Amino acid sequence: MFPLFGKTRTRRRAVFTLGATAITAVVLSTAGCSGSSSSTADGEFGFPQVAQNTSAKITVWVDSDRQAVVDAFEAAHPEIAVDAVSYDGSANGSNSFRTKMQLFDRAGSGWPDVVFSSQNNDASWASQASNGKQAFAAQLDKGLVPSDTLSNFTEGSLNPCTVDGKVYCLRNDLAQSVLWYNQSLMTQFGYTMPTTWEEYEALGKKVAAEHPGYIIGTAGDAWTPEVYFWASQCQANDVTGPREVTVNTSSDECTRAAKMLDDLRANGTVPNVSVFTPEFLQQYTGKVLMLAGPAWYAGAIFNNPNSLNVPAGELGVAAPLPWQGSDAVTGNVGGGTWFISSHSANLAAAATFAEFATTADDYQVEKAPGYPAYAPAATKWVAKQEASGYFGTSLQPLVEAGSQIWTGWGSGIFSQEAIWAKTITPAIAGGQSIADLLPTWQDAIKNQAQVDGYTVK
């Protein structure tokens, strides 16, 4: 995210915080309820609906970073009453969104009308009926959200929301990976920007020889595979159905990325360090020549006084790199999603809120910290970032990268970041090569996918 607008505004009213204890209380108090309110078996939007009340208040779950959207919505739509509930947004693999909806399923009531999630894999479970209960997520592309609205999202951005060809959520923002670089250092060293991953590796070798201590990337975060392997079209996460995934880390697309990382780790230009550690700041502040990573690196890493704090005018951005003979594609590290509950008694208001949160300039352009998934908003948001005077280059490569996210890396229930952090990160720290660990990584993905009910090929 790009923190160029200051801190999120303080809420005008109290926000209810719903934790595990509160959820349990709801379950106990409503467990005797049948949840058998009048419903339509074949609703007009493709799922069973309860009796609708267009004046009913809607309950919206948001994380702390999304609380500003509620204020913006209330200002724009005073006719719709909203109860905002603050929760963790399922951040850091907490799985709280899914866990809490399962508890409401047991109770037969209590579901919120709209939910924000910081994860991109929730449609994989929220779109599916479970234990005799209808799916939590409402289908959106059968009239609940207008087709012209859906078609204006950045190409491919709704893929994580799409299951069996049906759309179940709206994407809040994108976190497409690009190549960030320091213009001043590139000019000082007399280097030209690489145009392929092969040239990137060659530059790393040159930097190691001519300017030891400077780096062109990192390999110590849990999203390393999403930056390098996803961009190499490695078939480690090819989700082909609601419960089907193909995993093959032995292909050339996987081994070339692993070998490149091993070579650059060995010469010190892509160290095995997390960008959010004191070690990273102590060793590499002022020495980051370039860094492949998501859109939000600009604000979280570069334009952050508590991180690298790169001065205005020095940070440049280049388009995703291709491998020789391949098209340029990229990965994605984050971005949130908005779900409408199929149980909502006021689907019209819930849809109005979800559309506003993802498409309205009042929020996405004026207040949202991340790159909007909705293309018209993204165009205006980028123009505003460029006008800030911080960036040293055009942000058009960031725009182009938004539609270059490779579709062969899916959004299953299981977390690739959690698997990598548990299986590969410790082994790399222990001195093993990533190339040698590819079979171990494949087995770990397969095992976790099977635990989550996937058929693995």
Protein backbone atom coordinates (compact mmCIF):
# COMPACT_ATOMS: atom_id res chain seq x y z
CA MET A 1 0.00 0.00 0.00
CA PHE A 2 1.00 3.62 -0.57
CA PRO A 3 0.67 5.70 2.62
CA LEU A 4 0.54 9.06 0.86
CA PHE A 5 -2.76 10.28 2.31
CA GLY A 6 -1.98 10.15 6.03
CA LYS A 7 -3.54 7.89 8.61
CA THR A 8 -6.98 6.34 8.34
CA ARG A 9 -9.59 8.67 9.75
CA THR A 10 -11.04 7.97 13.17
CA ARG A 11 -14.52 6.45 13.10
CA ARG A 12 -17.38 8.79 13.99
CA ARG A 13 -19.03 6.15 16.14
CA ALA A 14 -18.13 3.09 18.13
CA VAL A 15 -17.15 -0.07 16.29
CA PHE A 16 -18.21 -3.41 17.69
CA THR A 17 -15.35 -5.90 17.97
CA LEU A 18 -16.36 -9.52 17.59
CA GLY A 19 -13.99 -12.12 18.98
CA ALA A 20 -14.19 -15.84 19.56
CA THR A 21 -15.98 -15.44 22.91
CA ALA A 22 -18.67 -13.27 21.37
CA ILE A 23 -19.12 -15.69 18.49
CA THR A 24 -19.51 -18.61 20.89
CA ALA A 25 -22.12 -16.67 22.83
CA VAL A 26 -24.07 -16.07 19.64
CA VAL A 27 -23.94 -19.77 18.79
CA LEU A 28 -25.13 -20.81 22.26
CA SER A 29 -27.92 -18.27 22.33
CA THR A 30 -29.23 -19.16 18.87
CA ALA A 31 -28.49 -22.86 18.73
CA GLY A 32 -32.13 -23.63 19.40
CA CYS A 33 -33.31 -21.52 16.48
CA SER A 34 -34.21 -23.32 13.28
CA GLY A 35 -33.21 -20.49 10.99
CA SER A 36 -36.27 -21.43 8.93
CA SER A 37 -37.43 -17.96 8.00
CA SER A 38 -39.31 -17.70 4.74
CA SER A 39 -37.02 -18.32 1.79
CA THR A 40 -37.12 -18.71 -1.95
CA ALA A 41 -35.78 -22.08 -3.06
CA ASP A 42 -34.59 -20.81 -6.44
CA GLY A 43 -33.81 -17.16 -5.93
CA GLU A 44 -33.54 -14.72 -8.80
CA PHE A 45 -29.78 -14.41 -8.27
CA GLY A 46 -28.97 -18.12 -8.39
CA PHE A 47 -29.25 -19.11 -4.72
CA PRO A 48 -31.99 -19.55 -2.09
CA GLN A 49 -32.98 -16.25 -0.49
CA VAL A 50 -34.68 -15.36 2.77
CA ALA A 51 -37.59 -12.93 2.68
CA GLN A 52 -36.17 -9.54 1.76
CA ASN A 53 -36.57 -6.28 3.68
CA THR A 54 -35.07 -3.35 1.80
CA SER A 55 -35.16 -1.15 4.91
CA ALA A 56 -33.28 -3.63 7.10
CA LYS A 57 -29.98 -2.59 8.64
CA ILE A 58 -26.95 -4.42 7.24
CA THR A 59 -24.03 -5.74 9.27
CA VAL A 60 -20.61 -5.27 7.71
CA TRP A 61 -17.38 -6.90 8.91
CA VAL A 62 -14.18 -4.96 8.21
CA ASP A 63 -10.58 -4.93 9.36
CA SER A 64 -8.99 -1.80 10.81
CA ASP A 65 -7.65 -0.65 7.44
CA ARG A 66 -11.12 -0.80 5.87
CA GLN A 67 -13.04 1.09 8.56
CA ALA A 68 -12.77 4.27 6.51
CA VAL A 69 -14.94 2.75 3.80
CA VAL A 70 -17.86 2.57 6.24
CA ASP A 71 -17.61 6.29 6.96
CA ALA A 72 -17.40 7.08 3.27
CA PHE A 73 -20.39 4.86 2.54
CA GLU A 74 -22.52 6.40 5.28
CA ALA A 75 -21.77 9.86 3.93
CA ALA A 76 -22.76 8.80 0.42
CA HIS A 77 -25.73 6.63 1.42
CA PRO A 78 -27.40 7.98 4.57
CA GLU A 79 -30.54 6.07 3.61
CA ILE A 80 -28.85 2.72 4.41
CA ALA A 81 -28.28 1.83 8.06
CA VAL A 82 -24.99 0.03 8.74
CA ASP A 83 -23.62 -1.78 11.77
CA ALA A 84 -19.84 -2.07 11.42
CA VAL A 85 -18.06 -4.93 13.16
CA SER A 86 -14.27 -4.89 13.44
CA TYR A 87 -12.35 -8.16 13.11
CA ASP A 88 -8.90 -9.22 11.96
CA GLY A 89 -9.85 -9.65 8.30
CA SER A 90 -8.51 -13.23 8.39
CA ALA A 91 -5.02 -11.71 8.27
CA ASN A 92 -1.84 -13.75 8.64
CA GLY A 93 -3.61 -17.03 7.99
CA SER A 94 -5.91 -16.74 11.03
CA ASN A 95 -8.77 -18.29 9.03
CA SER A 96 -11.16 -16.38 11.28
CA PHE A 97 -13.63 -15.57 8.48
CA ARG A 98 -14.23 -19.24 7.68
CA THR A 99 -14.21 -20.36 11.31
CA LYS A 100 -16.80 -17.80 12.35
CA MET A 101 -19.11 -18.53 9.41
CA GLN A 102 -18.99 -22.22 10.33
CA LEU A 103 -20.15 -21.30 13.83
CA PHE A 104 -23.02 -19.27 12.41
CA ASP A 105 -23.91 -22.24 10.19
CA ARG A 106 -24.20 -24.35 13.33
CA ALA A 107 -26.36 -21.71 15.00
CA GLY A 108 -28.55 -21.26 11.96
CA SER A 109 -28.35 -17.46 12.18
CA GLY A 110 -26.02 -14.55 12.84
CA TRP A 111 -24.29 -14.24 9.47
CA PRO A 112 -23.13 -10.72 8.56
CA ASP A 113 -24.43 -9.19 5.34
CA VAL A 114 -21.04 -8.13 3.96
CA VAL A 115 -17.54 -9.30 4.88
CA PHE A 116 -14.11 -7.99 3.93
CA SER A 117 -11.28 -10.52 3.86
CA SER A 118 -7.59 -9.77 3.43
CA GLN A 119 -7.19 -13.17 1.76
CA ASN A 120 -7.71 -14.21 -1.86
CA ASN A 121 -8.61 -17.85 -1.27
CA ASP A 122 -11.88 -17.54 0.64
CA ALA A 123 -14.10 -18.04 -2.41
CA SER A 124 -12.80 -21.62 -2.54
CA TRP A 125 -14.80 -22.49 0.59
CA ALA A 126 -17.38 -19.68 0.78
CA SER A 127 -18.84 -20.72 -2.58
CA GLN A 128 -19.48 -24.29 -1.43
CA ALA A 129 -22.33 -25.76 0.60
CA SER A 130 -21.09 -27.38 3.79
CA ASN A 131 -22.70 -29.88 6.15
CA GLY A 132 -26.10 -29.33 4.60
CA LYS A 133 -25.89 -25.53 4.81
CA GLN A 134 -26.04 -23.37 1.72
CA ALA A 135 -22.85 -21.61 0.71
CA PHE A 136 -22.16 -18.40 2.62
CA ALA A 137 -21.18 -16.40 -0.46
CA ALA A 138 -23.90 -15.05 -2.70
CA GLN A 139 -23.39 -15.53 -6.42
CA LEU A 140 -22.84 -12.08 -7.86
CA ASP A 141 -22.89 -12.51 -11.62
CA LYS A 142 -26.53 -13.47 -12.05
CA GLY A 143 -27.85 -9.96 -11.55
CA LEU A 144 -26.99 -9.12 -7.96
CA VAL A 145 -24.06 -7.03 -9.23
CA PRO A 146 -24.53 -5.48 -12.70
CA SER A 147 -22.57 -7.11 -15.48
CA ASP A 148 -21.12 -3.78 -16.61
CA THR A 149 -19.68 -3.31 -13.13
CA LEU A 150 -18.09 -6.76 -13.16
CA SER A 151 -16.66 -6.21 -16.64
CA ASN A 152 -14.87 -3.05 -15.50
CA PHE A 153 -12.64 -4.85 -13.00
CA THR A 154 -9.05 -5.23 -14.18
CA GLU A 155 -8.72 -8.22 -16.47
CA GLY A 156 -8.16 -11.35 -14.42
CA SER A 157 -8.65 -9.62 -11.07
CA LEU A 158 -11.83 -11.55 -10.31
CA ASN A 159 -10.20 -14.93 -10.94
CA PRO A 160 -9.73 -15.59 -7.19
CA CYS A 161 -13.46 -14.85 -6.80
CA THR A 162 -14.55 -17.19 -9.57
CA VAL A 163 -15.41 -20.83 -8.90
CA ASP A 164 -16.86 -23.09 -11.61
CA GLY A 165 -17.37 -20.03 -13.78
CA LYS A 166 -19.44 -18.16 -11.18
CA VAL A 167 -18.35 -14.98 -9.39
CA TYR A 168 -18.65 -14.99 -5.59
CA CYS A 169 -16.77 -11.89 -4.43
CA LEU A 170 -15.48 -8.50 -5.53
CA ARG A 171 -11.80 -7.73 -5.42
CA ASN A 172 -10.85 -4.72 -3.30
CA ASP A 173 -7.29 -4.17 -4.48
CA LEU A 174 -4.47 -5.83 -6.37
CA ALA A 175 -0.94 -6.60 -5.25
CA GLN A 176 0.69 -7.32 -8.59
CA SER A 177 4.42 -7.86 -8.51
CA VAL A 178 6.70 -5.49 -10.43
CA LEU A 179 10.38 -4.58 -10.42
CA TRP A 180 11.07 -1.63 -8.13
CA TYR A 181 14.45 0.07 -8.53
CA ASN A 182 16.54 2.96 -7.28
CA GLN A 183 17.13 5.34 -10.19
CA SER A 184 19.96 7.20 -8.50
CA LEU A 185 21.95 4.04 -7.80
CA MET A 186 21.34 2.66 -11.29
CA THR A 187 22.67 5.89 -12.79
CA GLN A 188 25.57 6.09 -10.35
CA PHE A 189 26.68 2.54 -11.20
CA GLY A 190 26.08 2.97 -14.93
CA TYR A 191 23.69 0.02 -15.17
CA THR A 192 20.78 -0.42 -17.55
CA MET A 193 17.53 -2.05 -16.53
CA PRO A 194 17.23 -5.78 -17.23
CA THR A 195 14.50 -6.75 -19.67
CA THR A 196 14.43 -10.50 -18.91
CA TRP A 197 15.00 -12.67 -15.86
CA GLU A 198 18.19 -13.90 -17.49
CA GLU A 199 19.46 -10.30 -17.68
CA TYR A 200 18.34 -9.80 -14.08
CA GLU A 201 20.51 -12.71 -12.97
CA ALA A 202 23.44 -11.41 -15.05
CA LEU A 203 23.09 -8.01 -13.42
CA GLY A 204 23.14 -9.67 -10.01
CA LYS A 205 26.45 -11.31 -10.80
CA LYS A 206 27.83 -7.97 -11.97
CA VAL A 207 26.64 -6.19 -8.82
CA ALA A 208 28.21 -8.89 -6.64
CA ALA A 209 31.56 -8.37 -8.35
CA GLU A 210 31.53 -4.58 -8.66
CA HIS A 211 29.47 -3.42 -5.66
CA PRO A 212 29.42 -6.15 -3.02
CA GLY A 213 26.84 -5.54 -0.31
CA TYR A 214 24.23 -4.11 -2.67
CA ILE A 215 21.20 -6.25 -3.47
CA ILE A 216 18.68 -6.73 -6.28
CA GLY A 217 16.08 -8.73 -4.35
CA THR A 218 15.33 -10.83 -1.30
CA ALA A 219 14.27 -14.44 -0.75
CA GLY A 220 13.43 -14.57 2.93
CA ASP A 221 9.70 -13.90 3.01
CA ALA A 222 6.85 -16.40 2.87
CA TRP A 223 5.67 -14.83 -0.41
CA THR A 224 8.94 -15.59 -2.22
CA PRO A 225 7.20 -18.23 -4.39
CA GLU A 226 4.50 -15.73 -5.34
CA VAL A 227 7.10 -13.25 -6.58
CA TYR A 228 9.51 -15.57 -8.39
CA PHE A 229 7.83 -18.93 -9.05
CA TRP A 230 4.43 -17.53 -9.96
CA ALA A 231 6.15 -15.16 -12.41
CA SER A 232 8.02 -18.14 -13.87
CA GLN A 233 4.75 -20.01 -14.54
CA CYS A 234 5.70 -22.78 -12.13
CA GLN A 235 2.81 -25.24 -11.82
CA ALA A 236 2.97 -25.49 -8.05
CA ASN A 237 -0.54 -24.23 -7.43
CA ASP A 238 -2.74 -24.93 -10.45
CA VAL A 239 -6.23 -25.08 -8.94
CA THR A 240 -8.42 -26.58 -11.66
CA GLY A 241 -11.68 -27.04 -9.75
CA PRO A 242 -13.38 -26.46 -6.39
CA ARG A 243 -11.48 -29.45 -4.99
CA GLU A 244 -8.89 -30.24 -7.67
CA VAL A 245 -5.29 -29.06 -7.93
CA THR A 246 -2.31 -29.98 -10.09
CA VAL A 247 1.10 -29.72 -8.44
CA ASN A 248 4.32 -30.16 -10.42
CA THR A 249 7.49 -28.46 -9.22
CA SER A 250 9.83 -30.48 -11.44
CA SER A 251 9.16 -28.53 -14.64
CA ASP A 252 11.65 -26.21 -16.31
CA GLU A 253 9.49 -23.26 -15.22
CA CYS A 254 10.08 -24.20 -11.59
CA THR A 255 13.71 -25.24 -11.81
CA ARG A 256 14.82 -22.09 -13.67
CA ALA A 257 13.43 -19.87 -10.92
CA ALA A 258 14.98 -22.03 -8.21
CA LYS A 259 18.40 -22.07 -9.88
CA MET A 260 18.37 -18.31 -10.38
CA LEU A 261 17.52 -17.71 -6.73
CA ASP A 262 20.19 -20.16 -5.57
CA ASP A 263 22.85 -18.47 -7.71
CA LEU A 264 21.91 -14.97 -6.53
CA ARG A 265 21.64 -16.09 -2.91
CA ALA A 266 25.12 -17.55 -3.20
CA ASN A 267 26.66 -14.27 -4.38
CA GLY A 268 24.75 -12.20 -1.83
CA THR A 269 22.61 -10.10 -4.17
CA VAL A 270 19.34 -11.83 -3.21
CA PRO A 271 19.82 -12.56 0.50
CA ASN A 272 17.67 -14.91 2.51
CA VAL A 273 16.23 -12.14 4.68
CA SER A 274 12.73 -10.80 5.27
CA VAL A 275 12.07 -7.21 4.27
CA PHE A 276 10.34 -6.69 7.61
CA THR A 277 13.28 -7.49 9.87
CA PRO A 278 15.80 -5.25 11.64
CA GLU A 279 18.54 -7.20 9.86
CA PHE A 280 17.21 -6.07 6.48
CA LEU A 281 17.22 -2.41 7.52
CA GLN A 282 20.61 -2.56 9.22
CA GLN A 283 22.40 -4.25 6.33
CA TYR A 284 20.63 -2.95 3.25
CA THR A 285 19.29 0.57 3.86
CA GLY A 286 20.72 2.63 1.00
CA LYS A 287 21.92 -0.54 -0.75
CA VAL A 288 18.77 -1.80 -2.46
CA LEU A 289 19.45 -1.44 -6.16
CA MET A 290 16.19 -3.14 -7.10
CA LEU A 291 13.56 -5.32 -5.52
CA ALA A 292 11.02 -7.55 -7.22
CA GLY A 293 7.82 -7.41 -5.22
CA PRO A 294 4.17 -6.37 -4.94
CA ALA A 295 2.61 -2.96 -5.46
CA TRP A 296 2.41 -2.30 -1.74
CA TYR A 297 6.22 -2.40 -1.39
CA ALA A 298 6.19 1.24 -2.50
CA GLY A 299 4.57 2.43 0.70
CA ALA A 300 5.48 -0.36 3.10
CA ILE A 301 9.17 -0.56 2.21
CA PHE A 302 10.40 2.40 0.15
CA ASN A 303 8.27 5.41 1.14
CA ASN A 304 8.27 4.55 4.82
CA PRO A 305 10.37 6.38 7.44
CA ASN A 306 10.41 3.18 9.48
CA SER A 307 11.83 1.14 6.60
CA LEU A 308 14.12 2.08 3.68
CA ASN A 309 12.79 5.66 3.55
CA VAL A 310 13.91 6.26 -0.05
CA PRO A 311 13.80 10.01 -0.89
CA ALA A 312 11.25 11.39 -3.33
CA GLY A 313 12.21 11.15 -6.97
CA GLU A 314 14.49 8.11 -6.64
CA LEU A 315 12.06 5.19 -6.79
CA GLY A 316 11.32 3.79 -10.22
CA VAL A 317 9.10 0.94 -11.34
CA ALA A 318 9.60 -1.43 -14.27
CA ALA A 319 7.21 -3.90 -15.83
CA PRO A 320 7.31 -7.60 -14.88
CA LEU A 321 10.20 -9.43 -16.51
CA PRO A 322 9.71 -12.31 -18.94
CA TRP A 323 11.88 -15.37 -19.23
CA GLN A 324 13.49 -15.67 -22.66
CA GLY A 325 11.02 -17.28 -25.02
CA SER A 326 8.07 -16.72 -22.67
CA ASP A 327 5.49 -13.99 -22.27
CA ALA A 328 5.87 -11.57 -19.39
CA VAL A 329 3.59 -12.60 -16.53
CA THR A 330 3.66 -11.81 -12.86
CA GLY A 331 2.49 -12.94 -9.45
CA ASN A 332 0.30 -11.36 -6.81
CA VAL A 333 0.98 -10.94 -3.09
CA GLY A 334 -2.20 -9.95 -1.30
CA GLY A 335 -5.15 -7.75 -2.08
CA GLY A 336 -8.51 -8.14 -0.37
CA THR A 337 -11.99 -9.36 -1.26
CA TRP A 338 -15.58 -8.41 -0.39
CA PHE A 339 -18.31 -11.02 0.06
CA ILE A 340 -22.08 -10.62 0.19
CA SER A 341 -23.90 -13.17 2.33
CA SER A 342 -26.43 -15.42 0.62
CA HIS A 343 -28.33 -15.29 3.95
CA SER A 344 -28.81 -11.51 3.85
CA ALA A 345 -32.33 -10.17 4.32
CA ASN A 346 -31.33 -6.99 2.47
CA LEU A 347 -29.35 -8.09 -0.55
CA ALA A 348 -29.98 -4.78 -2.32
CA ALA A 349 -28.28 -2.77 0.43
CA ALA A 350 -25.50 -5.34 0.82
CA ALA A 351 -24.78 -5.18 -2.91
CA THR A 352 -24.82 -1.38 -2.83
CA PHE A 353 -22.23 -1.44 -0.05
CA ALA A 354 -19.95 -4.00 -1.75
CA GLU A 355 -20.09 -2.10 -5.03
CA PHE A 356 -19.34 1.19 -3.31
CA ALA A 357 -16.40 -0.29 -1.41
CA THR A 358 -14.79 -1.59 -4.58
CA THR A 359 -15.74 0.97 -7.24
CA ALA A 360 -16.58 4.37 -5.73
CA ASP A 361 -14.07 7.18 -6.15
CA ASP A 362 -15.04 8.45 -2.69
CA TYR A 363 -13.21 5.49 -1.22
CA GLN A 364 -11.05 3.76 -3.83
CA VAL A 365 -9.49 6.94 -5.22
CA GLU A 366 -9.63 9.32 -2.27
CA LYS A 367 -8.97 7.06 0.71
CA ALA A 368 -7.96 3.51 -0.23
CA PRO A 369 -4.29 2.73 0.49
CA GLY A 370 -3.91 0.00 -2.13
CA TYR A 371 -4.09 -0.29 -5.93
CA PRO A 372 -7.80 -0.59 -6.84
CA ALA A 373 -8.93 -3.73 -8.63
CA TYR A 374 -11.67 -1.74 -10.35
CA ALA A 375 -10.01 -0.39 -13.49
CA PRO A 376 -11.70 3.04 -13.73
CA ALA A 377 -10.79 3.74 -10.10
CA ALA A 378 -7.26 2.44 -10.64
CA THR A 379 -6.70 4.91 -13.48
CA LYS A 380 -7.61 7.85 -11.23
CA TRP A 381 -5.74 6.42 -8.25
CA VAL A 382 -2.53 6.06 -10.25
CA ALA A 383 -2.85 9.63 -11.53
CA LYS A 384 -3.15 10.82 -7.94
CA GLN A 385 -0.05 8.85 -6.89
CA GLU A 386 1.96 10.24 -9.80
CA ALA A 387 0.86 13.77 -8.93
CA SER A 388 2.21 13.32 -5.39
CA GLY A 389 5.73 13.86 -6.72
CA TYR A 390 7.19 10.90 -4.87
CA PHE A 391 7.86 8.53 -7.74
CA GLY A 392 10.72 9.05 -10.15
CA THR A 393 9.01 7.32 -13.07
CA SER A 394 5.57 6.78 -14.51
CA LEU A 395 3.48 4.14 -12.75
CA GLN A 396 2.18 2.71 -16.02
CA PRO A 397 4.23 -0.50 -15.57
CA LEU A 398 2.18 -1.07 -12.41
CA VAL A 399 -1.02 -0.63 -14.42
CA GLU A 400 0.15 -3.06 -17.09
CA ALA A 401 1.17 -5.61 -14.48
CA GLY A 402 -2.36 -5.61 -13.08
CA SER A 403 -3.59 -7.55 -16.10
CA GLN A 404 -0.45 -9.73 -16.40
CA ILE A 405 -1.04 -11.86 -13.31
CA TRP A 406 -0.59 -15.45 -14.49
CA THR A 407 -3.82 -17.46 -14.29
CA GLY A 408 -2.07 -20.79 -13.69
CA TRP A 409 -1.55 -20.05 -10.00
CA GLY A 410 -4.83 -20.64 -8.20
CA SER A 411 -6.49 -19.65 -4.95
CA GLY A 412 -7.15 -22.84 -3.01
CA ILE A 413 -8.17 -23.18 0.62
CA PHE A 414 -4.61 -24.00 1.62
CA SER A 415 -2.02 -21.24 1.99
CA GLN A 416 1.07 -21.43 -0.20
CA GLU A 417 2.77 -18.89 2.04
CA ALA A 418 2.16 -21.03 5.13
CA ILE A 419 3.50 -24.12 3.37
CA TRP A 420 6.63 -22.31 2.18
CA ALA A 421 7.27 -20.74 5.58
CA LYS A 422 6.93 -24.06 7.39
CA THR A 423 8.73 -26.31 4.90
CA ILE A 424 11.18 -24.33 2.80
CA THR A 425 12.21 -21.26 4.80
CA PRO A 426 13.86 -23.24 7.64
CA ALA A 427 15.62 -25.54 5.18
CA ILE A 428 17.02 -22.59 3.22
CA ALA A 429 18.20 -21.01 6.44
CA GLY A 430 19.93 -24.30 7.19
CA GLY A 431 21.95 -24.09 3.99
CA GLN A 432 19.96 -26.22 1.57
CA SER A 433 19.41 -25.09 -2.01
CA ILE A 434 15.95 -24.23 -3.28
CA ALA A 435 16.49 -26.43 -6.32
CA ASP A 436 17.14 -29.45 -4.13
CA LEU A 437 14.07 -28.63 -2.05
CA LEU A 438 11.61 -28.58 -4.97
CA PRO A 439 10.49 -32.21 -4.38
CA THR A 440 10.01 -31.46 -0.69
CA TRP A 441 7.94 -28.41 -1.56
CA GLN A 442 5.79 -30.44 -3.95
CA ASP A 443 5.12 -33.11 -1.32
CA ALA A 444 4.22 -30.47 1.26
CA ILE A 445 1.73 -28.80 -1.10
CA LYS A 446 0.17 -32.14 -2.03
CA ASN A 447 -0.14 -33.23 1.58
CA GLN A 448 -1.79 -30.00 2.70
CA ALA A 449 -4.13 -29.97 -0.30
CA GLN A 450 -5.24 -33.52 0.47
CA VAL A 451 -5.84 -32.62 4.12
CA ASP A 452 -8.13 -29.86 2.85
CA GLY A 453 -10.06 -32.30 0.69
CA TYR A 454 -8.44 -31.73 -2.71
CA THR A 455 -7.82 -34.33 -5.36
CA VAL A 456 -4.18 -33.80 -6.32
CA LYS A 457 -2.73 -34.55 -9.73
